[in-house]
Amino acid sequence: MSTAPTSEVLHLTDLAAYNEGSVVSRQITKAEAGNVTLFAFDQDQELSEHTAPFDALVHVLDGEAEIRISGKPFHLKSGDAIIMPANEPHAVRALTRFKMLLTMIRK
């Protein structure tokens, strides 16, 4: 998919397939102001704790995950969303296979 904006219907859950034992990512769009990336996690896969210099919105499209922000766990399921504030340590762990849309907004 091109990084230039286009007018087309996107079936987000179909744009990244689950892959056994791994995390798959696909960039949907990228601009100076931020980017949008789709992730598909196999069960028990994770992104280890890290920080980012910009706010991020996680929207769970399928399955369930634990998102830790500054050490506090949040259990999210399909349809849930959470904001990960800039410079706060956060981690993501798949409780089941799950897909999330990550929107990062640069300050």
Protein backbone atom coordinates (compact mmCIF):
# COMPACT_ATOMS: atom_id res chain seq x y z
CA MET A 1 0.00 0.00 0.00
CA SER A 2 1.30 3.43 -0.86
CA THR A 3 2.10 5.91 1.90
CA ALA A 4 0.24 8.60 -0.06
CA PRO A 5 -3.38 8.99 1.09
CA THR A 6 -5.93 7.38 -1.18
CA SER A 7 -9.69 7.06 -1.07
CA GLU A 8 -10.37 3.36 -0.79
CA VAL A 9 -12.22 1.10 1.61
CA LEU A 10 -9.80 -0.82 3.81
CA HIS A 11 -10.74 -4.12 5.42
CA LEU A 12 -8.19 -3.71 8.19
CA THR A 13 -8.36 -7.18 9.71
CA ASP A 14 -7.57 -8.66 6.28
CA LEU A 15 -4.45 -6.54 5.69
CA ALA A 16 -2.18 -8.46 8.08
CA ALA A 17 -2.43 -12.23 8.54
CA TYR A 18 -1.56 -14.09 11.72
CA ASN A 19 1.78 -15.91 11.52
CA GLU A 20 2.53 -18.69 14.00
CA GLY A 21 4.97 -17.62 16.71
CA SER A 22 5.43 -14.07 15.48
CA VAL A 23 4.24 -10.50 15.25
CA VAL A 24 3.35 -9.19 11.78
CA SER A 25 3.13 -5.47 11.03
CA ARG A 26 1.94 -3.51 8.03
CA GLN A 27 2.21 0.24 7.67
CA ILE A 28 -1.09 1.70 6.49
CA THR A 29 -0.02 5.32 6.11
CA LYS A 30 2.90 7.53 7.09
CA ALA A 31 3.21 11.30 7.24
CA GLU A 32 5.32 13.88 9.04
CA ALA A 33 2.55 14.28 11.64
CA GLY A 34 2.43 10.55 12.46
CA ASN A 35 1.67 7.10 11.11
CA VAL A 36 -0.82 4.24 11.28
CA THR A 37 0.35 0.63 11.50
CA LEU A 38 -1.61 -2.62 11.69
CA PHE A 39 -0.22 -5.44 13.85
CA ALA A 40 -1.19 -9.13 14.03
CA PHE A 41 0.17 -10.97 17.11
CA ASP A 42 0.12 -14.73 17.56
CA GLN A 43 -0.92 -15.81 21.06
CA ASP A 44 1.73 -15.13 23.76
CA GLN A 45 3.78 -12.89 21.46
CA GLU A 46 4.78 -9.49 22.78
CA LEU A 47 6.52 -6.19 22.27
CA SER A 48 8.84 -5.65 25.21
CA GLU A 49 8.69 -2.51 27.32
CA HIS A 50 9.87 0.62 25.53
CA THR A 51 9.06 4.33 25.25
CA ALA A 52 8.17 6.56 22.31
CA PRO A 53 8.47 10.35 22.03
CA PHE A 54 4.86 10.73 20.82
CA ASP A 55 1.35 9.77 21.89
CA ALA A 56 -0.07 6.53 20.50
CA LEU A 57 -3.61 5.20 20.24
CA VAL A 58 -4.02 1.41 20.27
CA HIS A 59 -7.32 0.10 18.90
CA VAL A 60 -7.86 -3.66 19.28
CA LEU A 61 -9.59 -5.03 16.17
CA ASP A 62 -9.61 -8.74 17.06
CA GLY A 63 -8.76 -10.88 20.08
CA GLU A 64 -7.42 -9.85 23.49
CA ALA A 65 -4.23 -8.27 24.79
CA GLU A 66 -2.58 -6.92 27.89
CA ILE A 67 -1.16 -3.43 27.48
CA ARG A 68 1.12 -2.22 30.28
CA ILE A 69 1.63 1.50 30.65
CA SER A 70 4.05 2.68 33.34
CA GLY A 71 3.74 -0.76 34.95
CA LYS A 72 -0.08 -0.72 35.11
CA PRO A 73 -1.78 -3.59 33.20
CA PHE A 74 -4.85 -3.01 31.06
CA HIS A 75 -6.86 -5.90 29.56
CA LEU A 76 -8.24 -4.95 26.14
CA LYS A 77 -10.49 -6.93 23.82
CA SER A 78 -11.91 -6.42 20.35
CA GLY A 79 -13.41 -2.93 20.07
CA ASP A 80 -11.41 -1.45 22.98
CA ALA A 81 -8.86 1.34 22.62
CA ILE A 82 -6.30 3.00 24.88
CA ILE A 83 -3.92 5.95 24.65
CA MET A 84 -0.27 5.37 25.46
CA PRO A 85 1.12 8.78 26.45
CA ALA A 86 4.43 10.00 25.05
CA ASN A 87 7.54 9.01 27.02
CA GLU A 88 5.64 6.56 29.26
CA PRO A 89 7.09 3.01 29.26
CA HIS A 90 4.67 0.54 27.68
CA ALA A 91 4.54 -3.08 26.52
CA VAL A 92 2.06 -5.25 24.60
CA ARG A 93 1.35 -8.98 25.13
CA ALA A 94 -1.14 -11.11 23.20
CA LEU A 95 -3.47 -13.04 25.53
CA THR A 96 -5.03 -14.60 22.41
CA ARG A 97 -4.20 -14.03 18.78
CA PHE A 98 -5.00 -10.38 18.32
CA LYS A 99 -4.82 -7.53 15.84
CA MET A 100 -4.39 -3.88 16.70
CA LEU A 101 -4.27 -0.63 14.82
CA LEU A 102 -1.58 1.70 16.18
CA THR A 103 -1.91 5.41 15.44
CA MET A 104 1.10 7.50 16.47
CA ILE A 105 0.80 11.28 16.62
CA ARG A 106 3.99 13.32 16.58
CA LYS A 107 4.05 16.41 18.80
